[in-house]
Every structure is written in C-alpha cells, then in structure tokens.
C-alpha cells in the first residue's frame, strides 16, 4: 500500500508544473486603428506561439532579403 502511494506521488512529480499547457486558452486585447476600443482575441497557447513564430520568420526573411540596386547611367 505504501509503495503504491509512493509510486503515484512520484508520477505526479514527473509533470513539470512550470511548463505551460499548450491547450489552455489565452485572451489578448489588441488595439485597432480608427477606434479607441480594443478587440479581444482568444486562442490557445500553441496558436499564439505559431502566430509569433510566423511573424518572426517573416521579419527575418524581410531583413535578410537581398537588395538590388539599379543605378541610372549618365
């Protein structure tokens, strides 16, 4: 009986309590142009992380994009 209790207790300790649940819904208020009211958008943590990663990737691609300069001859 004591061993079973210890086994259940150690299984509960293996879960990392600091790790956020990816399926938990998080609501954020976002400002909109043309109004003083904020829009509330709710998504899961995983969805917010995917949106942030896509934005980082787009910004990185824009920053690292080669610049072509065309000079007009005289």
PDB file of N, CA and C in Angstrom:
ATOM      1  N   UNK A   1       0.826  -1.193   0.000  1.00  0.00           N
ATOM      2  CA  UNK A   1       0.000   0.000   0.000  1.00  0.00           C
ATOM      3  C   UNK A   1       0.871   1.258   0.000  1.00  0.00           C
ATOM      4  N   UNK A   2       1.911   1.260   0.814  1.00  0.00           N
ATOM      5  CA  UNK A   2       2.795   2.421   0.879  1.00  0.00           C
ATOM      6  C   UNK A   2       3.548   2.593  -0.436  1.00  0.00           C
ATOM      7  N   UNK A   3       3.975   1.475  -1.029  1.00  0.00           N
ATOM      8  CA  UNK A   3       4.681   1.553  -2.308  1.00  0.00           C
ATOM      9  C   UNK A   3       3.783   2.104  -3.409  1.00  0.00           C
ATOM     10  N   UNK A   4       2.522   1.725  -3.397  1.00  0.00           N
ATOM     11  CA  UNK A   4       1.587   2.234  -4.400  1.00  0.00           C
ATOM     12  C   UNK A   4       1.401   3.736  -4.228  1.00  0.00           C
ATOM     13  N   UNK A   5       1.322   4.208  -3.008  1.00  0.00           N
ATOM     14  CA  UNK A   5       1.181   5.639  -2.739  1.00  0.00           C
ATOM     15  C   UNK A   5       2.421   6.399  -3.199  1.00  0.00           C
ATOM     16  N   UNK A   6       3.596   5.831  -2.922  1.00  0.00           N
ATOM     17  CA  UNK A   6       4.845   6.477  -3.352  1.00  0.00           C
ATOM     18  C   UNK A   6       4.929   6.502  -4.871  1.00  0.00           C
ATOM     19  N   UNK A   7       4.507   5.423  -5.530  1.00  0.00           N
ATOM     20  CA  UNK A   7       4.542   5.362  -6.991  1.00  0.00           C
ATOM     21  C   UNK A   7       3.618   6.432  -7.583  1.00  0.00           C
ATOM     22  N   UNK A   8       2.424   6.577  -7.044  1.00  0.00           N
ATOM     23  CA  UNK A   8       1.506   7.604  -7.538  1.00  0.00           C
ATOM     24  C   UNK A   8       2.048   9.004  -7.287  1.00  0.00           C
ATOM     25  N   UNK A   9       2.690   9.198  -6.146  1.00  0.00           N
ATOM     26  CA  UNK A   9       3.244  10.503  -5.811  1.00  0.00           C
ATOM     27  C   UNK A   9       4.381  10.877  -6.766  1.00  0.00           C
ATOM     28  N   UNK A  10       5.251   9.914  -7.096  1.00  0.00           N
ATOM     29  CA  UNK A  10       6.370  10.203  -7.999  1.00  0.00           C
ATOM     30  C   UNK A  10       5.889  10.426  -9.418  1.00  0.00           C
ATOM     31  N   UNK A  11       4.807   9.781  -9.846  1.00  0.00           N
ATOM     32  CA  UNK A  11       4.247  10.023 -11.168  1.00  0.00           C
ATOM     33  C   UNK A  11       3.739  11.455 -11.241  1.00  0.00           C
ATOM     34  N   UNK A  12       3.107  11.932 -10.191  1.00  0.00           N
ATOM     35  CA  UNK A  12       2.629  13.310 -10.160  1.00  0.00           C
ATOM     36  C   UNK A  12       3.755  14.314 -10.189  1.00  0.00           C
ATOM     37  N   UNK A  13       4.912  13.961  -9.646  1.00  0.00           N
ATOM     38  CA  UNK A  13       6.055  14.870  -9.641  1.00  0.00           C
ATOM     39  C   UNK A  13       6.756  14.940 -10.982  1.00  0.00           C
ATOM     40  N   UNK A  14       6.559  13.953 -11.842  1.00  0.00           N
ATOM     41  CA  UNK A  14       7.256  13.945 -13.126  1.00  0.00           C
ATOM     42  C   UNK A  14       6.729  15.020 -14.071  1.00  0.00           C
ATOM     43  N   UNK A  15       5.468  15.439 -13.898  1.00  0.00           N
ATOM     44  CA  UNK A  15       4.930  16.514 -14.716  1.00  0.00           C
ATOM     45  C   UNK A  15       5.565  17.826 -14.301  1.00  0.00           C
ATOM     46  N   UNK A  16       6.000  18.599 -15.270  1.00  0.00           N
ATOM     47  CA  UNK A  16       6.660  19.867 -14.986  1.00  0.00           C
ATOM     48  C   UNK A  16       5.595  20.941 -14.759  1.00  0.00           C
ATOM     49  N   UNK A  17       5.418  21.421 -13.534  1.00  0.00           N
ATOM     50  CA  UNK A  17       4.376  22.417 -13.275  1.00  0.00           C
ATOM     51  C   UNK A  17       4.691  23.772 -13.895  1.00  0.00           C
ATOM     52  N   UNK A  18       5.955  24.050 -14.200  1.00  0.00           N
ATOM     53  CA  UNK A  18       6.319  25.332 -14.786  1.00  0.00           C
ATOM     54  C   UNK A  18       6.024  25.368 -16.285  1.00  0.00           C
ATOM     55  N   UNK A  19       5.858  24.204 -16.907  1.00  0.00           N
ATOM     56  CA  UNK A  19       5.589  24.131 -18.335  1.00  0.00           C
ATOM     57  C   UNK A  19       4.131  24.522 -18.594  1.00  0.00           C
ATOM     58  N   UNK A  20       3.888  25.538 -19.427  1.00  0.00           N
ATOM     59  CA  UNK A  20       2.511  25.966 -19.677  1.00  0.00           C
ATOM     60  C   UNK A  20       1.754  24.942 -20.523  1.00  0.00           C
ATOM     61  N   UNK A  21       0.468  24.833 -20.272  1.00  0.00           N
ATOM     62  CA  UNK A  21      -0.377  23.925 -21.031  1.00  0.00           C
ATOM     63  C   UNK A  21      -0.632  24.520 -22.410  1.00  0.00           C
ATOM     64  N   UNK A  22      -0.286  23.795 -23.461  1.00  0.00           N
ATOM     65  CA  UNK A  22      -0.406  24.299 -24.833  1.00  0.00           C
ATOM     66  C   UNK A  22      -1.864  24.454 -25.252  1.00  0.00           C
ATOM     67  N   UNK A  23      -2.788  23.742 -24.611  1.00  0.00           N
ATOM     68  CA  UNK A  23      -4.197  23.810 -24.991  1.00  0.00           C
ATOM     69  C   UNK A  23      -4.994  24.819 -24.165  1.00  0.00           C
ATOM     70  N   UNK A  24      -4.351  25.490 -23.227  1.00  0.00           N
ATOM     71  CA  UNK A  24      -5.043  26.490 -22.406  1.00  0.00           C
ATOM     72  C   UNK A  24      -5.344  27.718 -23.261  1.00  0.00           C
ATOM     73  N   UNK A  25      -6.560  28.227 -23.154  1.00  0.00           N
ATOM     74  CA  UNK A  25      -6.952  29.402 -23.935  1.00  0.00           C
ATOM     75  C   UNK A  25      -6.433  30.666 -23.262  1.00  0.00           C
ATOM     76  N   UNK A  26      -5.874  31.548 -24.082  1.00  0.00           N
ATOM     77  CA  UNK A  26      -5.357  32.823 -23.609  1.00  0.00           C
ATOM     78  C   UNK A  26      -6.021  33.920 -24.436  1.00  0.00           C
ATOM     79  N   UNK A  27      -6.561  34.906 -23.761  1.00  0.00           N
ATOM     80  CA  UNK A  27      -7.216  36.021 -24.443  1.00  0.00           C
ATOM     81  C   UNK A  27      -6.323  37.250 -24.355  1.00  0.00           C
ATOM     82  N   UNK A  28      -6.189  37.942 -25.484  1.00  0.00           N
ATOM     83  CA  UNK A  28      -5.381  39.161 -25.539  1.00  0.00           C
ATOM     84  C   UNK A  28      -6.223  40.275 -26.139  1.00  0.00           C
ATOM     85  N   UNK A  29      -5.995  41.481 -25.619  1.00  0.00           N
ATOM     86  CA  UNK A  29      -6.671  42.643 -26.183  1.00  0.00           C
ATOM     87  C   UNK A  29      -5.728  43.308 -27.168  1.00  0.00           C
ATOM     88  N   UNK A  30      -6.238  43.562 -28.374  1.00  0.00           N
ATOM     89  CA  UNK A  30      -5.428  44.155 -29.428  1.00  0.00           C
ATOM     90  C   UNK A  30      -6.049  45.482 -29.843  1.00  0.00           C
ATOM     91  N   UNK A  31      -5.201  46.497 -29.948  1.00  0.00           N
ATOM     92  CA  UNK A  31      -5.670  47.815 -30.366  1.00  0.00           C
ATOM     93  C   UNK A  31      -5.980  47.786 -31.847  1.00  0.00           C
ATOM     94  N   UNK A  32      -6.992  48.560 -32.234  1.00  0.00           N
ATOM     95  CA  UNK A  32      -7.387  48.653 -33.632  1.00  0.00           C
ATOM     96  C   UNK A  32      -7.261  50.090 -34.095  1.00  0.00           C
ATOM     97  N   UNK A  33      -6.841  50.263 -35.318  1.00  0.00           N
ATOM     98  CA  UNK A  33      -6.737  51.596 -35.895  1.00  0.00           C
ATOM     99  C   UNK A  33      -8.141  52.136 -36.164  1.00  0.00           C
ATOM    100  N   UNK A  34      -8.363  53.389 -35.822  1.00  0.00           N
ATOM    101  CA  UNK A  34      -9.634  54.034 -36.108  1.00  0.00           C
ATOM    102  C   UNK A  34     -10.647  53.952 -34.984  1.00  0.00           C
ATOM    103  N   UNK A  35     -10.304  53.329 -33.883  1.00  0.00           N
ATOM    104  CA  UNK A  35     -11.216  53.239 -32.751  1.00  0.00           C
ATOM    105  C   UNK A  35     -10.411  53.204 -31.458  1.00  0.00           C
ATOM    106  N   UNK A  36     -11.031  53.627 -30.391  1.00  0.00           N
ATOM    107  CA  UNK A  36     -10.332  53.580 -29.108  1.00  0.00           C
ATOM    108  C   UNK A  36     -10.635  52.301 -28.350  1.00  0.00           C
ATOM    109  N   UNK A  37     -11.491  51.466 -28.934  1.00  0.00           N
ATOM    110  CA  UNK A  37     -11.850  50.210 -28.305  1.00  0.00           C
ATOM    111  C   UNK A  37     -10.902  49.104 -28.752  1.00  0.00           C
ATOM    112  N   UNK A  38     -10.537  48.250 -27.821  1.00  0.00           N
ATOM    113  CA  UNK A  38      -9.664  47.127 -28.137  1.00  0.00           C
ATOM    114  C   UNK A  38     -10.522  45.912 -28.504  1.00  0.00           C
ATOM    115  N   UNK A  39      -9.961  45.081 -29.347  1.00  0.00           N
ATOM    116  CA  UNK A  39     -10.634  43.848 -29.745  1.00  0.00           C
ATOM    117  C   UNK A  39     -10.009  42.701 -28.956  1.00  0.00           C
ATOM    118  N   UNK A  40     -10.832  41.867 -28.361  1.00  0.00           N
ATOM    119  CA  UNK A  40     -10.334  40.727 -27.600  1.00  0.00           C
ATOM    120  C   UNK A  40     -10.317  39.499 -28.501  1.00  0.00           C
ATOM    121  N   UNK A  41      -9.146  38.850 -28.570  1.00  0.00           N
ATOM    122  CA  UNK A  41      -8.981  37.646 -29.366  1.00  0.00           C
ATOM    123  C   UNK A  41      -8.517  36.524 -28.450  1.00  0.00           C
ATOM    124  N   UNK A  42      -9.194  35.395 -28.506  1.00  0.00           N
ATOM    125  CA  UNK A  42      -8.839  34.244 -27.675  1.00  0.00           C
ATOM    126  C   UNK A  42      -8.359  33.103 -28.559  1.00  0.00           C
ATOM    127  N   UNK A  43      -7.209  32.554 -28.208  1.00  0.00           N
ATOM    128  CA  UNK A  43      -6.627  31.412 -28.908  1.00  0.00           C
ATOM    129  C   UNK A  43      -5.898  30.557 -27.881  1.00  0.00           C
ATOM    130  N   UNK A  44      -5.479  29.362 -28.290  1.00  0.00           N
ATOM    131  CA  UNK A  44      -4.702  28.521 -27.386  1.00  0.00           C
ATOM    132  C   UNK A  44      -3.258  29.023 -27.379  1.00  0.00           C
ATOM    133  N   UNK A  45      -2.507  28.609 -26.350  1.00  0.00           N
ATOM    134  CA  UNK A  45      -1.096  28.999 -26.276  1.00  0.00           C
ATOM    135  C   UNK A  45      -0.331  28.531 -27.510  1.00  0.00           C
ATOM    136  N   UNK A  46      -0.637  27.342 -27.985  1.00  0.00           N
ATOM    137  CA  UNK A  46       0.037  26.805 -29.169  1.00  0.00           C
ATOM    138  C   UNK A  46      -0.247  27.670 -30.395  1.00  0.00           C
ATOM    139  N   UNK A  47      -1.479  28.151 -30.533  1.00  0.00           N
ATOM    140  CA  UNK A  47      -1.820  29.021 -31.666  1.00  0.00           C
ATOM    141  C   UNK A  47      -1.086  30.357 -31.570  1.00  0.00           C
ATOM    142  N   UNK A  48      -1.027  30.954 -30.360  1.00  0.00           N
ATOM    143  CA  UNK A  48      -0.305  32.213 -30.194  1.00  0.00           C
ATOM    144  C   UNK A  48       1.172  32.041 -30.526  1.00  0.00           C
ATOM    145  N   UNK A  49       1.760  30.911 -30.101  1.00  0.00           N
ATOM    146  CA  UNK A  49       3.172  30.656 -30.388  1.00  0.00           C
ATOM    147  C   UNK A  49       3.401  30.475 -31.884  1.00  0.00           C
ATOM    148  N   UNK A  50       2.472  29.813 -32.586  1.00  0.00           N
ATOM    149  CA  UNK A  50       2.590  29.630 -34.037  1.00  0.00           C
ATOM    150  C   UNK A  50       2.502  30.976 -34.758  1.00  0.00           C
ATOM    151  N   UNK A  51       1.620  31.857 -34.299  1.00  0.00           N
ATOM    152  CA  UNK A  51       1.490  33.187 -34.906  1.00  0.00           C
ATOM    153  C   UNK A  51       2.772  33.985 -34.682  1.00  0.00           C
ATOM    154  N   UNK A  52       3.318  33.934 -33.477  1.00  0.00           N
ATOM    155  CA  UNK A  52       4.550  34.664 -33.168  1.00  0.00           C
ATOM    156  C   UNK A  52       5.722  34.122 -33.990  1.00  0.00           C
ATOM    157  N   UNK A  53       5.797  32.805 -34.155  1.00  0.00           N
ATOM    158  CA  UNK A  53       6.877  32.205 -34.940  1.00  0.00           C
ATOM    159  C   UNK A  53       6.764  32.613 -36.409  1.00  0.00           C
ATOM    160  N   UNK A  54       5.554  32.639 -36.948  1.00  0.00           N
ATOM    161  CA  UNK A  54       5.349  33.063 -38.337  1.00  0.00           C
ATOM    162  C   UNK A  54       5.763  34.528 -38.518  1.00  0.00           C
ATOM    163  N   UNK A  55       5.439  35.377 -37.547  1.00  0.00           N
ATOM    164  CA  UNK A  55       5.828  36.788 -37.619  1.00  0.00           C
ATOM    165  C   UNK A  55       7.347  36.935 -37.556  1.00  0.00           C
ATOM    166  N   UNK A  56       8.005  36.162 -36.664  1.00  0.00           N
ATOM    167  CA  UNK A  56       9.474  36.201 -36.584  1.00  0.00           C
ATOM    168  C   UNK A  56      10.107  35.743 -37.892  1.00  0.00           C
ATOM    169  N   UNK A  57       9.570  34.670 -38.469  1.00  0.00           N
ATOM    170  CA  UNK A  57      10.108  34.142 -39.722  1.00  0.00           C
ATOM    171  C   UNK A  57       9.948  35.158 -40.855  1.00  0.00           C
ATOM    172  N   UNK A  58       8.788  35.809 -40.942  1.00  0.00           N
ATOM    173  CA  UNK A  58       8.550  36.814 -41.970  1.00  0.00           C
ATOM    174  C   UNK A  58       9.488  37.997 -41.805  1.00  0.00           C
ATOM    175  N   UNK A  59       9.671  38.461 -40.575  1.00  0.00           N
ATOM    176  CA  UNK A  59      10.576  39.580 -40.319  1.00  0.00           C
ATOM    177  C   UNK A  59      12.010  39.206 -40.670  1.00  0.00           C
ATOM    178  N   UNK A  60      12.416  37.996 -40.333  1.00  0.00           N
ATOM    179  CA  UNK A  60      13.779  37.552 -40.642  1.00  0.00           C
ATOM    180  C   UNK A  60      13.990  37.447 -42.144  1.00  0.00           C
ATOM    181  N   UNK A  61      12.999  36.922 -42.860  1.00  0.00           N
ATOM    182  CA  UNK A  61      13.110  36.818 -44.315  1.00  0.00           C
ATOM    183  C   UNK A  61      13.182  38.203 -44.956  1.00  0.00           C
ATOM    184  N   UNK A  62      12.410  39.155 -44.456  1.00  0.00           N
ATOM    185  CA  UNK A  62      12.436  40.516 -44.996  1.00  0.00           C
ATOM    186  C   UNK A  62      13.772  41.190 -44.722  1.00  0.00           C
ATOM    187  N   UNK A  63      14.314  40.954 -43.544  1.00  0.00           N
ATOM    188  CA  UNK A  63      15.574  41.573 -43.164  1.00  0.00           C
ATOM    189  C   UNK A  63      16.739  41.004 -43.958  1.00  0.00           C
ATOM    190  N   UNK A  64      16.715  39.698 -44.215  1.00  0.00           N
ATOM    191  CA  UNK A  64      17.814  39.038 -44.912  1.00  0.00           C
ATOM    192  C   UNK A  64      17.647  39.012 -46.429  1.00  0.00           C
ATOM    193  N   UNK A  65      16.613  39.637 -46.936  1.00  0.00           N
ATOM    194  CA  UNK A  65      16.347  39.651 -48.366  1.00  0.00           C
ATOM    195  C   UNK A  65      17.416  40.495 -49.077  1.00  0.00           C
ATOM    196  N   UNK A  66      17.984  39.998 -50.177  1.00  0.00           N
ATOM    197  CA  UNK A  66      18.997  40.785 -50.882  1.00  0.00           C
ATOM    198  C   UNK A  66      18.383  42.038 -51.507  1.00  0.00           C
ATOM    199  N   UNK A  67      19.160  43.087 -51.519  1.00  0.00           N
ATOM    200  CA  UNK A  67      18.705  44.359 -52.077  1.00  0.00           C
ATOM    201  C   UNK A  67      19.377  44.540 -53.427  1.00  0.00           C
ATOM    202  N   UNK A  68      18.560  44.784 -54.457  1.00  0.00           N
ATOM    203  CA  UNK A  68      19.090  45.002 -55.793  1.00  0.00           C
ATOM    204  C   UNK A  68      19.038  46.497 -56.073  1.00  0.00           C
ATOM    205  N   UNK A  69      20.174  47.047 -56.416  1.00  0.00           N
ATOM    206  CA  UNK A  69      20.265  48.477 -56.677  1.00  0.00           C
ATOM    207  C   UNK A  69      20.490  48.685 -58.168  1.00  0.00           C
ATOM    208  N   UNK A  70      19.630  49.477 -58.779  1.00  0.00           N
ATOM    209  CA  UNK A  70      19.767  49.803 -60.197  1.00  0.00           C
ATOM    210  C   UNK A  70      20.147  51.266 -60.294  1.00  0.00           C
ATOM    211  N   UNK A  71      21.325  51.502 -60.833  1.00  0.00           N
ATOM    212  CA  UNK A  71      21.802  52.886 -60.973  1.00  0.00           C
ATOM    213  C   UNK A  71      21.610  53.335 -62.409  1.00  0.00           C
ATOM    214  N   UNK A  72      21.138  54.550 -62.536  1.00  0.00           N
ATOM    215  CA  UNK A  72      20.914  55.128 -63.853  1.00  0.00           C
ATOM    216  C   UNK A  72      22.223  55.691 -64.369  1.00  0.00           C
ATOM    217  N   UNK A  73      22.594  55.316 -65.557  1.00  0.00           N
ATOM    218  CA  UNK A  73      23.826  55.812 -66.157  1.00  0.00           C
ATOM    219  C   UNK A  73      23.692  57.246 -66.647  1.00  0.00           C
ATOM    220  N   UNK A  74      24.823  57.951 -66.818  1.00  0.00           N
ATOM    221  CA  UNK A  74      24.742  59.333 -67.274  1.00  0.00           C
ATOM    222  C   UNK A  74      24.739  59.454 -68.742  1.00  0.00           C
TER     223      UNK A  74
END
